[in-house]
PDB file of N, CA and C in Angstrom:
ATOM      1  N   MET A   1     134.437 101.535  26.009  1.00  0.00           N
ATOM      2  CA  MET A   1     133.099 101.129  25.696  1.00  0.00           C
ATOM      3  C   MET A   1     132.884  99.703  26.194  1.00  0.00           C
ATOM      4  N   ALA A   2     131.829  99.519  26.896  1.00  0.00           N
ATOM      5  CA  ALA A   2     131.495  98.203  27.424  1.00  0.00           C
ATOM      6  C   ALA A   2     130.489  97.537  26.502  1.00  0.00           C
ATOM      7  N   ALA A   3     130.784  96.318  26.151  1.00  0.00           N
ATOM      8  CA  ALA A   3     129.872  95.557  25.293  1.00  0.00           C
ATOM      9  C   ALA A   3     128.847  94.863  26.173  1.00  0.00           C
ATOM     10  N   THR A   4     127.608  94.971  25.800  1.00  0.00           N
ATOM     11  CA  THR A   4     126.555  94.321  26.569  1.00  0.00           C
ATOM     12  C   THR A   4     126.024  93.136  25.794  1.00  0.00           C
ATOM     13  N   ALA A   5     125.810  92.075  26.500  1.00  0.00           N
ATOM     14  CA  ALA A   5     125.281  90.861  25.880  1.00  0.00           C
ATOM     15  C   ALA A   5     123.799  90.747  26.218  1.00  0.00           C
ATOM     16  N   VAL A   6     123.014  90.501  25.213  1.00  0.00           N
ATOM     17  CA  VAL A   6     121.580  90.339  25.398  1.00  0.00           C
ATOM     18  C   VAL A   6     121.249  88.873  25.182  1.00  0.00           C
ATOM     19  N   ALA A   7     120.580  88.278  26.156  1.00  0.00           N
ATOM     20  CA  ALA A   7     120.219  86.864  26.057  1.00  0.00           C
ATOM     21  C   ALA A   7     119.005  86.709  25.158  1.00  0.00           C
ATOM     22  N   ALA A   8     119.124  85.817  24.211  1.00  0.00           N
ATOM     23  CA  ALA A   8     118.007  85.537  23.305  1.00  0.00           C
ATOM     24  C   ALA A   8     117.045  84.577  23.985  1.00  0.00           C
ATOM     25  N   PRO A   9     115.759  84.674  23.701  1.00  0.00           N
ATOM     26  CA  PRO A   9     114.817  83.720  24.292  1.00  0.00           C
ATOM     27  C   PRO A   9     115.121  82.305  23.812  1.00  0.00           C
ATOM     28  N   SER A  10     114.985  81.355  24.725  1.00  0.00           N
ATOM     29  CA  SER A  10     115.348  79.977  24.405  1.00  0.00           C
ATOM     30  C   SER A  10     114.408  79.355  23.376  1.00  0.00           C
ATOM     31  N   ASP A  11     113.122  79.544  23.549  1.00  0.00           N
ATOM     32  CA  ASP A  11     112.148  78.989  22.610  1.00  0.00           C
ATOM     33  C   ASP A  11     110.985  79.969  22.492  1.00  0.00           C
ATOM     34  N   PRO A  12     110.893  80.698  21.388  1.00  0.00           N
ATOM     35  CA  PRO A  12     109.849  81.718  21.294  1.00  0.00           C
ATOM     36  C   PRO A  12     108.438  81.151  21.168  1.00  0.00           C
ATOM     37  N   THR A  13     108.292  79.872  20.818  1.00  0.00           N
ATOM     38  CA  THR A  13     106.956  79.299  20.688  1.00  0.00           C
ATOM     39  C   THR A  13     106.365  78.920  22.033  1.00  0.00           C
ATOM     40  N   GLN A  14     107.211  78.732  23.037  1.00  0.00           N
ATOM     41  CA  GLN A  14     106.744  78.315  24.353  1.00  0.00           C
ATOM     42  C   GLN A  14     106.568  79.550  25.236  1.00  0.00           C
ATOM     43  N   PRO A  15     105.437  79.695  25.913  1.00  0.00           N
ATOM     44  CA  PRO A  15     105.245  80.872  26.758  1.00  0.00           C
ATOM     45  C   PRO A  15     106.195  80.862  27.946  1.00  0.00           C
ATOM     46  N   ALA A  16     106.494  82.044  28.448  1.00  0.00           N
ATOM     47  CA  ALA A  16     107.449  82.166  29.546  1.00  0.00           C
ATOM     48  C   ALA A  16     106.869  81.648  30.855  1.00  0.00           C
ATOM     49  N   ASN A  17     105.562  81.645  30.997  1.00  0.00           N
ATOM     50  CA  ASN A  17     104.949  81.216  32.251  1.00  0.00           C
ATOM     51  C   ASN A  17     104.433  79.782  32.174  1.00  0.00           C
ATOM     52  N   ASP A  18     104.999  78.970  31.330  1.00  0.00           N
ATOM     53  CA  ASP A  18     104.589  77.574  31.206  1.00  0.00           C
ATOM     54  C   ASP A  18     105.192  76.784  32.361  1.00  0.00           C
ATOM     55  N   VAL A  19     104.375  76.456  33.344  1.00  0.00           N
ATOM     56  CA  VAL A  19     104.836  75.737  34.524  1.00  0.00           C
ATOM     57  C   VAL A  19     104.589  74.260  34.303  1.00  0.00           C
ATOM     58  N   ARG A  20     105.645  73.482  34.432  1.00  0.00           N
ATOM     59  CA  ARG A  20     105.548  72.038  34.240  1.00  0.00           C
ATOM     60  C   ARG A  20     105.973  71.339  35.527  1.00  0.00           C
ATOM     61  N   LEU A  21     105.296  70.257  35.853  1.00  0.00           N
ATOM     62  CA  LEU A  21     105.644  69.486  37.041  1.00  0.00           C
ATOM     63  C   LEU A  21     106.972  68.791  36.800  1.00  0.00           C
ATOM     64  N   PHE A  22     107.933  68.997  37.675  1.00  0.00           N
ATOM     65  CA  PHE A  22     109.299  68.489  37.553  1.00  0.00           C
ATOM     66  C   PHE A  22     109.943  68.904  36.227  1.00  0.00           C
ATOM     67  N   ASN A  23     109.518  70.029  35.676  1.00  0.00           N
ATOM     68  CA  ASN A  23     109.990  70.552  34.387  1.00  0.00           C
ATOM     69  C   ASN A  23     109.786  69.572  33.244  1.00  0.00           C
ATOM     70  N   ARG A  24     108.802  68.687  33.345  1.00  0.00           N
ATOM     71  CA  ARG A  24     108.545  67.694  32.302  1.00  0.00           C
ATOM     72  C   ARG A  24     107.102  67.657  31.844  1.00  0.00           C
ATOM     73  N   TRP A  25     106.166  67.599  32.782  1.00  0.00           N
ATOM     74  CA  TRP A  25     104.778  67.318  32.437  1.00  0.00           C
ATOM     75  C   TRP A  25     103.917  68.552  32.652  1.00  0.00           C
ATOM     76  N   SER A  26     103.151  68.877  31.639  1.00  0.00           N
ATOM     77  CA  SER A  26     102.330  70.081  31.659  1.00  0.00           C
ATOM     78  C   SER A  26     100.954  69.787  32.251  1.00  0.00           C
ATOM     79  N   PHE A  27     100.396  70.793  32.883  1.00  0.00           N
ATOM     80  CA  PHE A  27      99.049  70.696  33.436  1.00  0.00           C
ATOM     81  C   PHE A  27      97.995  71.091  32.414  1.00  0.00           C
ATOM     82  N   ASP A  28      98.411  71.586  31.255  1.00  0.00           N
ATOM     83  CA  ASP A  28      97.470  72.157  30.293  1.00  0.00           C
ATOM     84  C   ASP A  28      96.554  71.124  29.657  1.00  0.00           C
ATOM     85  N   GLU A  29      97.076  69.971  29.281  1.00  0.00           N
ATOM     86  CA  GLU A  29      96.251  69.003  28.563  1.00  0.00           C
ATOM     87  C   GLU A  29      95.549  67.994  29.472  1.00  0.00           C
ATOM     88  N   VAL A  30      95.616  68.183  30.777  1.00  0.00           N
ATOM     89  CA  VAL A  30      94.972  67.267  31.715  1.00  0.00           C
ATOM     90  C   VAL A  30      93.491  67.620  31.818  1.00  0.00           C
ATOM     91  N   GLN A  31      92.631  66.615  31.675  1.00  0.00           N
ATOM     92  CA  GLN A  31      91.183  66.805  31.712  1.00  0.00           C
ATOM     93  C   GLN A  31      90.577  65.919  32.792  1.00  0.00           C
ATOM     94  N   VAL A  32      89.563  66.433  33.464  1.00  0.00           N
ATOM     95  CA  VAL A  32      88.798  65.648  34.433  1.00  0.00           C
ATOM     96  C   VAL A  32      87.512  65.231  33.741  1.00  0.00           C
ATOM     97  N   SER A  33      87.345  63.925  33.542  1.00  0.00           N
ATOM     98  CA  SER A  33      86.188  63.442  32.789  1.00  0.00           C
ATOM     99  C   SER A  33      84.911  63.395  33.626  1.00  0.00           C
ATOM    100  N   ASP A  34      85.023  63.355  34.942  1.00  0.00           N
ATOM    101  CA  ASP A  34      83.855  63.312  35.820  1.00  0.00           C
ATOM    102  C   ASP A  34      83.574  64.722  36.345  1.00  0.00           C
ATOM    103  N   ILE A  35      82.443  65.290  35.954  1.00  0.00           N
ATOM    104  CA  ILE A  35      82.166  66.675  36.341  1.00  0.00           C
ATOM    105  C   ILE A  35      81.870  66.814  37.828  1.00  0.00           C
ATOM    106  N   SER A  36      81.454  65.727  38.483  1.00  0.00           N
ATOM    107  CA  SER A  36      81.170  65.823  39.912  1.00  0.00           C
ATOM    108  C   SER A  36      82.454  65.941  40.734  1.00  0.00           C
ATOM    109  N   LEU A  37      83.579  65.493  40.195  1.00  0.00           N
ATOM    110  CA  LEU A  37      84.849  65.574  40.913  1.00  0.00           C
ATOM    111  C   LEU A  37      85.734  66.712  40.427  1.00  0.00           C
ATOM    112  N   SER A  38      85.285  67.467  39.454  1.00  0.00           N
ATOM    113  CA  SER A  38      86.148  68.502  38.882  1.00  0.00           C
ATOM    114  C   SER A  38      86.480  69.606  39.888  1.00  0.00           C
ATOM    115  N   ASP A  39      85.597  69.859  40.844  1.00  0.00           N
ATOM    116  CA  ASP A  39      85.876  70.877  41.858  1.00  0.00           C
ATOM    117  C   ASP A  39      86.835  70.376  42.933  1.00  0.00           C
ATOM    118  N   TYR A  40      86.988  69.071  43.065  1.00  0.00           N
ATOM    119  CA  TYR A  40      87.780  68.500  44.146  1.00  0.00           C
ATOM    120  C   TYR A  40      89.130  67.975  43.694  1.00  0.00           C
ATOM    121  N   ILE A  41      89.399  67.968  42.415  1.00  0.00           N
ATOM    122  CA  ILE A  41      90.697  67.532  41.896  1.00  0.00           C
ATOM    123  C   ILE A  41      91.412  68.774  41.387  1.00  0.00           C
ATOM    124  N   GLY A  42      92.490  69.148  42.064  1.00  0.00           N
ATOM    125  CA  GLY A  42      93.185  70.383  41.731  1.00  0.00           C
ATOM    126  C   GLY A  42      94.201  70.199  40.629  1.00  0.00           C
ATOM    127  N   ILE A  43      93.822  70.529  39.393  1.00  0.00           N
ATOM    128  CA  ILE A  43      94.757  70.428  38.272  1.00  0.00           C
ATOM    129  C   ILE A  43      94.708  71.645  37.364  1.00  0.00           C
ATOM    130  N   GLN A  44      93.972  72.675  37.725  1.00  0.00           N
ATOM    131  CA  GLN A  44      93.844  73.836  36.851  1.00  0.00           C
ATOM    132  C   GLN A  44      95.205  74.524  36.724  1.00  0.00           C
ATOM    133  N   PRO A  45      95.650  74.769  35.501  1.00  0.00           N
ATOM    134  CA  PRO A  45      96.987  75.349  35.310  1.00  0.00           C
ATOM    135  C   PRO A  45      97.156  76.725  35.948  1.00  0.00           C
ATOM    136  N   SER A  46      96.105  77.502  36.008  1.00  0.00           N
ATOM    137  CA  SER A  46      96.241  78.849  36.566  1.00  0.00           C
ATOM    138  C   SER A  46      96.411  78.840  38.084  1.00  0.00           C
ATOM    139  N   LYS A  47      95.847  77.845  38.761  1.00  0.00           N
ATOM    140  CA  LYS A  47      95.896  77.801  40.223  1.00  0.00           C
ATOM    141  C   LYS A  47      96.861  76.758  40.772  1.00  0.00           C
ATOM    142  N   HIS A  48      96.877  75.578  40.192  1.00  0.00           N
ATOM    143  CA  HIS A  48      97.539  74.444  40.808  1.00  0.00           C
ATOM    144  C   HIS A  48      98.831  74.019  40.133  1.00  0.00           C
ATOM    145  N   ALA A  49      99.303  74.750  39.152  1.00  0.00           N
ATOM    146  CA  ALA A  49     100.532  74.372  38.466  1.00  0.00           C
ATOM    147  C   ALA A  49     101.732  74.691  39.351  1.00  0.00           C
ATOM    148  N   THR A  50     102.541  73.688  39.634  1.00  0.00           N
ATOM    149  CA  THR A  50     103.743  73.857  40.440  1.00  0.00           C
ATOM    150  C   THR A  50     104.877  73.073  39.808  1.00  0.00           C
ATOM    151  N   TYR A  51     106.094  73.490  40.097  1.00  0.00           N
ATOM    152  CA  TYR A  51     107.253  72.754  39.603  1.00  0.00           C
ATOM    153  C   TYR A  51     107.494  71.500  40.431  1.00  0.00           C
ATOM    154  N   VAL A  52     107.270  71.619  41.730  1.00  0.00           N
ATOM    155  CA  VAL A  52     107.492  70.514  42.665  1.00  0.00           C
ATOM    156  C   VAL A  52     106.256  70.427  43.550  1.00  0.00           C
ATOM    157  N   PRO A  53     105.773  69.219  43.866  1.00  0.00           N
ATOM    158  CA  PRO A  53     104.579  69.119  44.717  1.00  0.00           C
ATOM    159  C   PRO A  53     104.886  69.387  46.189  1.00  0.00           C
ATOM    160  N   HIS A  54     105.416  70.573  46.471  1.00  0.00           N
ATOM    161  CA  HIS A  54     105.771  70.954  47.832  1.00  0.00           C
ATOM    162  C   HIS A  54     105.495  72.451  47.985  1.00  0.00           C
ATOM    163  N   THR A  55     104.230  72.809  48.160  1.00  0.00           N
ATOM    164  CA  THR A  55     103.865  74.219  48.216  1.00  0.00           C
ATOM    165  C   THR A  55     103.879  74.785  49.623  1.00  0.00           C
ATOM    166  N   ALA A  56     103.892  73.944  50.642  1.00  0.00           N
ATOM    167  CA  ALA A  56     103.842  74.372  52.040  1.00  0.00           C
ATOM    168  C   ALA A  56     102.613  75.232  52.295  1.00  0.00           C
ATOM    169  N   GLY A  57     101.520  74.888  51.634  1.00  0.00           N
ATOM    170  CA  GLY A  57     100.280  75.629  51.806  1.00  0.00           C
ATOM    171  C   GLY A  57      99.552  75.218  53.067  1.00  0.00           C
ATOM    172  N   ARG A  58      98.698  76.091  53.547  1.00  0.00           N
ATOM    173  CA  ARG A  58      97.918  75.826  54.754  1.00  0.00           C
ATOM    174  C   ARG A  58      96.537  75.349  54.340  1.00  0.00           C
ATOM    175  N   TYR A  59      96.452  74.111  53.935  1.00  0.00           N
ATOM    176  CA  TYR A  59      95.206  73.580  53.393  1.00  0.00           C
ATOM    177  C   TYR A  59      94.309  72.964  54.458  1.00  0.00           C
ATOM    178  N   SER A  60      94.768  72.842  55.692  1.00  0.00           N
ATOM    179  CA  SER A  60      93.933  72.247  56.729  1.00  0.00           C
ATOM    180  C   SER A  60      93.380  73.290  57.695  1.00  0.00           C
ATOM    181  N   VAL A  61      93.574  74.567  57.408  1.00  0.00           N
ATOM    182  CA  VAL A  61      93.106  75.623  58.303  1.00  0.00           C
ATOM    183  C   VAL A  61      91.592  75.702  58.301  1.00  0.00           C
ATOM    184  N   LYS A  62      91.004  75.570  57.135  1.00  0.00           N
ATOM    185  CA  LYS A  62      89.573  75.724  56.984  1.00  0.00           C
ATOM    186  C   LYS A  62      88.990  74.444  56.394  1.00  0.00           C
ATOM    187  N   ARG A  63      87.736  74.198  56.689  1.00  0.00           N
ATOM    188  CA  ARG A  63      87.076  73.000  56.208  1.00  0.00           C
ATOM    189  C   ARG A  63      86.991  73.014  54.676  1.00  0.00           C
ATOM    190  N   PHE A  64      87.270  71.891  54.047  1.00  0.00           N
ATOM    191  CA  PHE A  64      87.227  71.674  52.598  1.00  0.00           C
ATOM    192  C   PHE A  64      88.278  72.466  51.822  1.00  0.00           C
ATOM    193  N   ARG A  65      89.227  73.084  52.481  1.00  0.00           N
ATOM    194  CA  ARG A  65      90.269  73.788  51.748  1.00  0.00           C
ATOM    195  C   ARG A  65      91.272  72.817  51.135  1.00  0.00           C
ATOM    196  N   LYS A  66      91.320  71.586  51.636  1.00  0.00           N
ATOM    197  CA  LYS A  66      92.243  70.619  51.046  1.00  0.00           C
ATOM    198  C   LYS A  66      91.861  70.273  49.613  1.00  0.00           C
ATOM    199  N   ALA A  67      90.639  70.586  49.212  1.00  0.00           N
ATOM    200  CA  ALA A  67      90.241  70.371  47.822  1.00  0.00           C
ATOM    201  C   ALA A  67      90.968  71.323  46.885  1.00  0.00           C
ATOM    202  N   GLN A  68      91.499  72.426  47.406  1.00  0.00           N
ATOM    203  CA  GLN A  68      92.247  73.368  46.584  1.00  0.00           C
ATOM    204  C   GLN A  68      93.715  72.998  46.452  1.00  0.00           C
ATOM    205  N   CYS A  69      94.163  71.994  47.181  1.00  0.00           N
ATOM    206  CA  CYS A  69      95.545  71.530  47.104  1.00  0.00           C
ATOM    207  C   CYS A  69      95.757  70.801  45.774  1.00  0.00           C
ATOM    208  N   PRO A  70      96.888  71.006  45.113  1.00  0.00           N
ATOM    209  CA  PRO A  70      97.143  70.271  43.866  1.00  0.00           C
ATOM    210  C   PRO A  70      97.103  68.765  44.095  1.00  0.00           C
ATOM    211  N   ILE A  71      96.557  68.036  43.131  1.00  0.00           N
ATOM    212  CA  ILE A  71      96.322  66.601  43.310  1.00  0.00           C
ATOM    213  C   ILE A  71      97.627  65.823  43.482  1.00  0.00           C
ATOM    214  N   VAL A  72      98.690  66.267  42.838  1.00  0.00           N
ATOM    215  CA  VAL A  72      99.968  65.565  42.974  1.00  0.00           C
ATOM    216  C   VAL A  72     100.546  65.801  44.364  1.00  0.00           C
ATOM    217  N   GLU A  73     100.319  66.971  44.924  1.00  0.00           N
ATOM    218  CA  GLU A  73     100.783  67.220  46.286  1.00  0.00           C
ATOM    219  C   GLU A  73      99.967  66.419  47.296  1.00  0.00           C
ATOM    220  N   ARG A  74      98.694  66.229  47.032  1.00  0.00           N
ATOM    221  CA  ARG A  74      97.888  65.390  47.931  1.00  0.00           C
ATOM    222  C   ARG A  74      98.373  63.949  47.901  1.00  0.00           C
ATOM    223  N   LEU A  75      98.778  63.470  46.722  1.00  0.00           N
ATOM    224  CA  LEU A  75      99.368  62.132  46.627  1.00  0.00           C
ATOM    225  C   LEU A  75     100.671  62.073  47.412  1.00  0.00           C
ATOM    226  N   THR A  76     101.485  63.099  47.286  1.00  0.00           N
ATOM    227  CA  THR A  76     102.755  63.152  48.013  1.00  0.00           C
ATOM    228  C   THR A  76     102.519  63.176  49.519  1.00  0.00           C
ATOM    229  N   ASN A  77     101.545  63.949  49.958  1.00  0.00           N
ATOM    230  CA  ASN A  77     101.248  64.029  51.391  1.00  0.00           C
ATOM    231  C   ASN A  77     100.707  62.714  51.928  1.00  0.00           C
ATOM    232  N   SER A  78      99.996  61.969  51.098  1.00  0.00           N
ATOM    233  CA  SER A  78      99.446  60.700  51.572  1.00  0.00           C
ATOM    234  C   SER A  78     100.529  59.646  51.756  1.00  0.00           C
ATOM    235  N   LEU A  79     101.685  59.834  51.159  1.00  0.00           N
ATOM    236  CA  LEU A  79     102.787  58.895  51.367  1.00  0.00           C
ATOM    237  C   LEU A  79     103.466  59.094  52.717  1.00  0.00           C
ATOM    238  N   MET A  80     103.163  60.184  53.402  1.00  0.00           N
ATOM    239  CA  MET A  80     103.803  60.479  54.681  1.00  0.00           C
ATOM    240  C   MET A  80     102.915  60.117  55.867  1.00  0.00           C
ATOM    241  N   MET A  81     102.080  59.120  55.750  1.00  0.00           N
ATOM    242  CA  MET A  81     101.073  58.869  56.776  1.00  0.00           C
ATOM    243  C   MET A  81     101.576  58.077  57.978  1.00  0.00           C
ATOM    244  N   HIS A  82     102.337  57.046  57.784  1.00  0.00           N
ATOM    245  CA  HIS A  82     102.727  56.201  58.910  1.00  0.00           C
ATOM    246  C   HIS A  82     103.878  56.840  59.681  1.00  0.00           C
ATOM    247  N   GLY A  83     104.082  56.392  60.902  1.00  0.00           N
ATOM    248  CA  GLY A  83     105.033  57.023  61.802  1.00  0.00           C
ATOM    249  C   GLY A  83     106.451  57.097  61.291  1.00  0.00           C
ATOM    250  N   ARG A  84     106.919  56.064  60.627  1.00  0.00           N
ATOM    251  CA  ARG A  84     108.307  56.087  60.161  1.00  0.00           C
ATOM    252  C   ARG A  84     108.497  57.012  58.958  1.00  0.00           C
ATOM    253  N   ASN A  85     107.418  57.362  58.270  1.00  0.00           N
ATOM    254  CA  ASN A  85     107.498  58.265  57.123  1.00  0.00           C
ATOM    255  C   ASN A  85     107.018  59.670  57.452  1.00  0.00           C
ATOM    256  N   ASN A  86     106.700  59.917  58.705  1.00  0.00           N
ATOM    257  CA  ASN A  86     106.115  61.189  59.117  1.00  0.00           C
ATOM    258  C   ASN A  86     107.116  62.329  58.945  1.00  0.00           C
ATOM    259  N   GLY A  87     106.746  63.339  58.167  1.00  0.00           N
ATOM    260  CA  GLY A  87     107.588  64.506  57.996  1.00  0.00           C
ATOM    261  C   GLY A  87     108.642  64.400  56.923  1.00  0.00           C
ATOM    262  N   LYS A  88     108.734  63.291  56.241  1.00  0.00           N
ATOM    263  CA  LYS A  88     109.767  63.100  55.219  1.00  0.00           C
ATOM    264  C   LYS A  88     109.194  63.423  53.840  1.00  0.00           C
ATOM    265  N   LYS A  89     108.918  64.694  53.623  1.00  0.00           N
ATOM    266  CA  LYS A  89     108.258  65.085  52.380  1.00  0.00           C
ATOM    267  C   LYS A  89     109.205  65.032  51.194  1.00  0.00           C
ATOM    268  N   LEU A  90     110.469  65.328  51.386  1.00  0.00           N
ATOM    269  CA  LEU A  90     111.414  65.266  50.271  1.00  0.00           C
ATOM    270  C   LEU A  90     111.559  63.838  49.763  1.00  0.00           C
ATOM    271  N   MET A  91     111.529  62.872  50.674  1.00  0.00           N
ATOM    272  CA  MET A  91     111.567  61.475  50.257  1.00  0.00           C
ATOM    273  C   MET A  91     110.293  61.123  49.488  1.00  0.00           C
ATOM    274  N   ALA A  92     109.160  61.614  49.943  1.00  0.00           N
ATOM    275  CA  ALA A  92     107.896  61.348  49.254  1.00  0.00           C
ATOM    276  C   ALA A  92     107.868  62.005  47.879  1.00  0.00           C
ATOM    277  N   VAL A  93     108.436  63.207  47.748  1.00  0.00           N
ATOM    278  CA  VAL A  93     108.506  63.880  46.446  1.00  0.00           C
ATOM    279  C   VAL A  93     109.368  63.075  45.490  1.00  0.00           C
ATOM    280  N   LYS A  94     110.472  62.538  45.997  1.00  0.00           N
ATOM    281  CA  LYS A  94     111.361  61.728  45.158  1.00  0.00           C
ATOM    282  C   LYS A  94     110.666  60.451  44.702  1.00  0.00           C
ATOM    283  N   ILE A  95     109.899  59.828  45.577  1.00  0.00           N
ATOM    284  CA  ILE A  95     109.164  58.613  45.220  1.00  0.00           C
ATOM    285  C   ILE A  95     108.117  58.910  44.154  1.00  0.00           C
ATOM    286  N   VAL A  96     107.394  60.021  44.310  1.00  0.00           N
ATOM    287  CA  VAL A  96     106.373  60.398  43.325  1.00  0.00           C
ATOM    288  C   VAL A  96     107.019  60.704  41.981  1.00  0.00           C
ATOM    289  N   LYS A  97     108.156  61.368  41.995  1.00  0.00           N
ATOM    290  CA  LYS A  97     108.848  61.694  40.741  1.00  0.00           C
ATOM    291  C   LYS A  97     109.268  60.428  40.008  1.00  0.00           C
ATOM    292  N   HIS A  98     109.854  59.474  40.725  1.00  0.00           N
ATOM    293  CA  HIS A  98     110.275  58.220  40.086  1.00  0.00           C
ATOM    294  C   HIS A  98     109.073  57.428  39.589  1.00  0.00           C
ATOM    295  N   ALA A  99     107.992  57.422  40.353  1.00  0.00           N
ATOM    296  CA  ALA A  99     106.788  56.709  39.920  1.00  0.00           C
ATOM    297  C   ALA A  99     106.200  57.341  38.664  1.00  0.00           C
ATOM    298  N   MET A 100     106.226  58.668  38.594  1.00  0.00           N
ATOM    299  CA  MET A 100     105.701  59.340  37.404  1.00  0.00           C
ATOM    300  C   MET A 100     106.582  59.091  36.187  1.00  0.00           C
ATOM    301  N   GLU A 101     107.885  58.989  36.382  1.00  0.00           N
ATOM    302  CA  GLU A 101     108.775  58.653  35.265  1.00  0.00           C
ATOM    303  C   GLU A 101     108.484  57.253  34.746  1.00  0.00           C
ATOM    304  N   ILE A 102     108.234  56.315  35.651  1.00  0.00           N
ATOM    305  CA  ILE A 102     107.911  54.941  35.244  1.00  0.00           C
ATOM    306  C   ILE A 102     106.578  54.906  34.504  1.00  0.00           C
ATOM    307  N   ILE A 103     105.588  55.641  35.003  1.00  0.00           N
ATOM    308  CA  ILE A 103     104.282  55.702  34.331  1.00  0.00           C
ATOM    309  C   ILE A 103     104.435  56.270  32.928  1.00  0.00           C
ATOM    310  N   ASN A 104     105.259  57.304  32.795  1.00  0.00           N
ATOM    311  CA  ASN A 104     105.463  57.915  31.485  1.00  0.00           C
ATOM    312  C   ASN A 104     106.157  56.950  30.532  1.00  0.00           C
ATOM    313  N   LEU A 105     107.120  56.189  31.018  1.00  0.00           N
ATOM    314  CA  LEU A 105     107.822  55.237  30.157  1.00  0.00           C
ATOM    315  C   LEU A 105     106.926  54.083  29.722  1.00  0.00           C
ATOM    316  N   LEU A 106     106.080  53.605  30.628  1.00  0.00           N
ATOM    317  CA  LEU A 106     105.251  52.441  30.311  1.00  0.00           C
ATOM    318  C   LEU A 106     104.036  52.788  29.470  1.00  0.00           C
ATOM    319  N   THR A 107     103.434  53.952  29.701  1.00  0.00           N
ATOM    320  CA  THR A 107     102.177  54.262  29.024  1.00  0.00           C
ATOM    321  C   THR A 107     102.294  55.333  27.949  1.00  0.00           C
ATOM    322  N   ASP A 108     103.383  56.073  27.915  1.00  0.00           N
ATOM    323  CA  ASP A 108     103.566  57.197  26.983  1.00  0.00           C
ATOM    324  C   ASP A 108     102.442  58.222  27.108  1.00  0.00           C
ATOM    325  N   GLN A 109     101.927  58.397  28.308  1.00  0.00           N
ATOM    326  CA  GLN A 109     100.897  59.392  28.591  1.00  0.00           C
ATOM    327  C   GLN A 109     101.431  60.370  29.628  1.00  0.00           C
ATOM    328  N   ASN A 110     100.703  61.454  29.795  1.00  0.00           N
ATOM    329  CA  ASN A 110     101.024  62.404  30.843  1.00  0.00           C
ATOM    330  C   ASN A 110     100.704  61.741  32.190  1.00  0.00           C
ATOM    331  N   PRO A 111     101.681  61.591  33.086  1.00  0.00           N
ATOM    332  CA  PRO A 111     101.409  60.920  34.365  1.00  0.00           C
ATOM    333  C   PRO A 111     100.389  61.651  35.228  1.00  0.00           C
ATOM    334  N   ILE A 112     100.263  62.956  35.063  1.00  0.00           N
ATOM    335  CA  ILE A 112      99.251  63.688  35.826  1.00  0.00           C
ATOM    336  C   ILE A 112      97.863  63.228  35.403  1.00  0.00           C
ATOM    337  N   GLN A 113      97.676  62.998  34.106  1.00  0.00           N
ATOM    338  CA  GLN A 113      96.394  62.497  33.605  1.00  0.00           C
ATOM    339  C   GLN A 113      96.125  61.092  34.131  1.00  0.00           C
ATOM    340  N   VAL A 114      97.154  60.261  34.240  1.00  0.00           N
ATOM    341  CA  VAL A 114      96.983  58.905  34.770  1.00  0.00           C
ATOM    342  C   VAL A 114      96.566  58.964  36.238  1.00  0.00           C
ATOM    343  N   ILE A 115      97.152  59.880  37.007  1.00  0.00           N
ATOM    344  CA  ILE A 115      96.784  60.035  38.420  1.00  0.00           C
ATOM    345  C   ILE A 115      95.343  60.520  38.545  1.00  0.00           C
ATOM    346  N   VAL A 116      94.952  61.471  37.711  1.00  0.00           N
ATOM    347  CA  VAL A 116      93.575  61.981  37.744  1.00  0.00           C
ATOM    348  C   VAL A 116      92.591  60.873  37.384  1.00  0.00           C
ATOM    349  N   ASP A 117      92.904  60.070  36.366  1.00  0.00           N
ATOM    350  CA  ASP A 117      92.027  58.959  35.989  1.00  0.00           C
ATOM    351  C   ASP A 117      91.934  57.920  37.102  1.00  0.00           C
ATOM    352  N   ALA A 118      93.036  57.687  37.822  1.00  0.00           N
ATOM    353  CA  ALA A 118      93.010  56.741  38.937  1.00  0.00           C
ATOM    354  C   ALA A 118      92.118  57.250  40.069  1.00  0.00           C
ATOM    355  N   VAL A 119      92.170  58.538  40.340  1.00  0.00           N
ATOM    356  CA  VAL A 119      91.308  59.118  41.380  1.00  0.00           C
ATOM    357  C   VAL A 119      89.849  59.030  40.960  1.00  0.00           C
ATOM    358  N   ILE A 120      89.572  59.287  39.693  1.00  0.00           N
ATOM    359  CA  ILE A 120      88.191  59.207  39.201  1.00  0.00           C
ATOM    360  C   ILE A 120      87.683  57.773  39.273  1.00  0.00           C
ATOM    361  N   ASN A 121      88.517  56.796  38.927  1.00  0.00           N
ATOM    362  CA  ASN A 121      88.102  55.395  39.008  1.00  0.00           C
ATOM    363  C   ASN A 121      87.897  54.959  40.451  1.00  0.00           C
ATOM    364  N   ARG A 122      88.636  55.540  41.377  1.00  0.00           N
ATOM    365  CA  ARG A 122      88.492  55.196  42.786  1.00  0.00           C
ATOM    366  C   ARG A 122      87.144  55.671  43.322  1.00  0.00           C
ATOM    367  N   TYR A 123      86.701  56.830  42.885  1.00  0.00           N
ATOM    368  CA  TYR A 123      85.460  57.402  43.387  1.00  0.00           C
ATOM    369  C   TYR A 123      84.296  57.221  42.426  1.00  0.00           C
ATOM    370  N   ALA A 124      84.328  56.157  41.655  1.00  0.00           N
ATOM    371  CA  ALA A 124      83.234  55.903  40.714  1.00  0.00           C
ATOM    372  C   ALA A 124      81.967  55.555  41.482  1.00  0.00           C
ATOM    373  N   ASN A 125      80.859  56.026  40.991  1.00  0.00           N
ATOM    374  CA  ASN A 125      79.573  55.776  41.663  1.00  0.00           C
ATOM    375  C   ASN A 125      78.974  54.488  41.178  1.00  0.00           C
TER     376      ASN A 125
END
């Protein structure tokens, strides 16, 4: 007779499809306070939740499709602009991760919310 082991769920209160950025920060409680930018800042948990801001999506194929790119990935992509940083996305992901850890330590807030607020303040009318 073979004994079979059944794995118990790790935490029954947490849903199985809870996707967190870097396995730390959730997209669920992030809010966009400016309704005019809500369509252009990708933070919806159902569409834009990723573990790592490296989706390899084709966001430049069609006009305005970059608005569907997750906001953290757009920040990561913007770090690869100059020639010496061109194509080094893993380095940019590491920089964003460390910056988000520092933001979390200093402000005790969700760093995704801090990034969204910074984008909203940048495009204030």
